[in-house]
Amino acid sequence: MIGLVLRVLPFWVREPLLIVVGFPFSAALFYAGARDGEPIGALLGAAVLVFTVMRVFTVRKALRARRLLRQAAAAPLPQANKG
């Protein structure tokens, strides 16, 4: 069910949602691993954190591309010399 919802949501809703959920979830996994003394919690927390950081870089790249596209659209076109 969650997979279907994530596929249907647009990029600008899905990615920030994954980031907002990913950081606290990885922290909870780290905490559970430290509390229980089990290394699997820390490993799962690290995996979720890596996944979340990859999402942050994806959103950052998309924002930069969007900003550059906006700047290119707003820039005046150079005039050709008819000399």
C-alpha atoms as a PDB file:
ATOM      1  CA  MET A   1       0.000   0.000   0.000  1.00  0.00           C
ATOM      2  CA  ILE A   2       2.782   2.425   0.881  1.00  0.00           C
ATOM      3  CA  GLY A   3       4.575   1.603  -2.383  1.00  0.00           C
ATOM      4  CA  LEU A   4       1.473   2.475  -4.369  1.00  0.00           C
ATOM      5  CA  VAL A   5       1.066   5.785  -2.567  1.00  0.00           C
ATOM      6  CA  LEU A   6       4.723   6.660  -3.110  1.00  0.00           C
ATOM      7  CA  ARG A   7       4.482   5.865  -6.821  1.00  0.00           C
ATOM      8  CA  VAL A   8       1.374   8.017  -7.233  1.00  0.00           C
ATOM      9  CA  LEU A   9       2.699  11.068  -5.381  1.00  0.00           C
ATOM     10  CA  PRO A  10       4.538  13.688  -7.450  1.00  0.00           C
ATOM     11  CA  PHE A  11       8.288  14.164  -7.010  1.00  0.00           C
ATOM     12  CA  TRP A  12       8.014  17.398  -5.017  1.00  0.00           C
ATOM     13  CA  VAL A  13       5.736  15.707  -2.454  1.00  0.00           C
ATOM     14  CA  ARG A  14       7.271  12.225  -2.338  1.00  0.00           C
ATOM     15  CA  GLU A  15      10.947  13.141  -1.902  1.00  0.00           C
ATOM     16  CA  PRO A  16      10.567  15.639   0.988  1.00  0.00           C
ATOM     17  CA  LEU A  17       8.203  13.171   2.656  1.00  0.00           C
ATOM     18  CA  LEU A  18      10.828  10.418   2.427  1.00  0.00           C
ATOM     19  CA  ILE A  19      13.452  12.794   3.830  1.00  0.00           C
ATOM     20  CA  VAL A  20      11.262  13.948   6.723  1.00  0.00           C
ATOM     21  CA  VAL A  21      10.431  10.357   7.642  1.00  0.00           C
ATOM     22  CA  GLY A  22      13.907   8.950   6.977  1.00  0.00           C
ATOM     23  CA  PHE A  23      15.966  11.009   9.416  1.00  0.00           C
ATOM     24  CA  PRO A  24      13.881  10.322  12.552  1.00  0.00           C
ATOM     25  CA  PHE A  25      13.459   6.671  11.577  1.00  0.00           C
ATOM     26  CA  SER A  26      17.221   6.214  11.231  1.00  0.00           C
ATOM     27  CA  ALA A  27      17.732   7.942  14.578  1.00  0.00           C
ATOM     28  CA  ALA A  28      15.200   5.589  16.180  1.00  0.00           C
ATOM     29  CA  LEU A  29      17.003   2.599  14.708  1.00  0.00           C
ATOM     30  CA  PHE A  30      20.345   3.882  16.021  1.00  0.00           C
ATOM     31  CA  TYR A  31      18.810   4.400  19.443  1.00  0.00           C
ATOM     32  CA  ALA A  32      17.215   0.943  19.487  1.00  0.00           C
ATOM     33  CA  GLY A  33      20.494  -0.648  18.455  1.00  0.00           C
ATOM     34  CA  ALA A  34      22.412   1.191  21.167  1.00  0.00           C
ATOM     35  CA  ARG A  35      19.794   0.462  23.824  1.00  0.00           C
ATOM     36  CA  ASP A  36      19.591  -3.243  23.058  1.00  0.00           C
ATOM     37  CA  GLY A  37      23.275  -3.665  22.339  1.00  0.00           C
ATOM     38  CA  GLU A  38      22.483  -5.178  18.929  1.00  0.00           C
ATOM     39  CA  PRO A  39      24.607  -4.104  15.967  1.00  0.00           C
ATOM     40  CA  ILE A  40      21.793  -4.886  13.504  1.00  0.00           C
ATOM     41  CA  GLY A  41      19.895  -1.778  14.674  1.00  0.00           C
ATOM     42  CA  ALA A  42      22.896   0.409  13.951  1.00  0.00           C
ATOM     43  CA  LEU A  43      23.383  -1.237  10.561  1.00  0.00           C
ATOM     44  CA  LEU A  44      19.745  -0.719   9.625  1.00  0.00           C
ATOM     45  CA  GLY A  45      19.933   2.864  10.863  1.00  0.00           C
ATOM     46  CA  ALA A  46      23.002   3.451   8.705  1.00  0.00           C
ATOM     47  CA  ALA A  47      21.249   1.956   5.674  1.00  0.00           C
ATOM     48  CA  VAL A  48      18.205   4.181   6.158  1.00  0.00           C
ATOM     49  CA  LEU A  49      20.456   7.198   6.696  1.00  0.00           C
ATOM     50  CA  VAL A  50      22.378   6.506   3.468  1.00  0.00           C
ATOM     51  CA  PHE A  51      19.093   6.138   1.573  1.00  0.00           C
ATOM     52  CA  THR A  52      17.839   9.417   3.035  1.00  0.00           C
ATOM     53  CA  VAL A  53      21.054  11.288   2.226  1.00  0.00           C
ATOM     54  CA  MET A  54      20.812  10.063  -1.375  1.00  0.00           C
ATOM     55  CA  ARG A  55      17.296  11.517  -1.489  1.00  0.00           C
ATOM     56  CA  VAL A  56      18.597  14.843  -0.152  1.00  0.00           C
ATOM     57  CA  PHE A  57      21.184  14.998  -2.934  1.00  0.00           C
ATOM     58  CA  THR A  58      18.521  14.121  -5.512  1.00  0.00           C
ATOM     59  CA  VAL A  59      16.273  16.954  -4.343  1.00  0.00           C
ATOM     60  CA  ARG A  60      19.224  19.337  -4.220  1.00  0.00           C
ATOM     61  CA  LYS A  61      20.187  18.459  -7.792  1.00  0.00           C
ATOM     62  CA  ALA A  62      16.597  18.952  -8.974  1.00  0.00           C
ATOM     63  CA  LEU A  63      16.350  22.327  -7.231  1.00  0.00           C
ATOM     64  CA  ARG A  64      19.581  23.511  -8.832  1.00  0.00           C
ATOM     65  CA  ALA A  65      18.446  22.378 -12.278  1.00  0.00           C
ATOM     66  CA  ARG A  66      15.119  24.105 -11.779  1.00  0.00           C
ATOM     67  CA  ARG A  67      16.833  27.331 -10.685  1.00  0.00           C
ATOM     68  CA  LEU A  68      19.208  27.268 -13.675  1.00  0.00           C
ATOM     69  CA  LEU A  69      16.299  26.653 -16.038  1.00  0.00           C
ATOM     70  CA  ARG A  70      14.452  29.622 -14.567  1.00  0.00           C
ATOM     71  CA  GLN A  71      17.529  31.839 -14.917  1.00  0.00           C
ATOM     72  CA  ALA A  72      18.021  30.744 -18.507  1.00  0.00           C
ATOM     73  CA  ALA A  73      14.387  31.483 -19.324  1.00  0.00           C
ATOM     74  CA  ALA A  74      14.583  34.930 -17.726  1.00  0.00           C
ATOM     75  CA  ALA A  75      17.839  35.916 -19.471  1.00  0.00           C
ATOM     76  CA  PRO A  76      17.448  37.998 -22.620  1.00  0.00           C
ATOM     77  CA  LEU A  77      18.396  36.317 -25.867  1.00  0.00           C
ATOM     78  CA  PRO A  78      21.527  37.685 -27.543  1.00  0.00           C
ATOM     79  CA  GLN A  79      20.899  39.688 -30.699  1.00  0.00           C
ATOM     80  CA  ALA A  80      22.603  38.549 -33.903  1.00  0.00           C
ATOM     81  CA  ASN A  81      24.691  41.166 -35.721  1.00  0.00           C
ATOM     82  CA  LYS A  82      23.343  41.922 -39.156  1.00  0.00           C
ATOM     83  CA  GLY A  83      26.432  43.686 -40.364  1.00  0.00           C
END
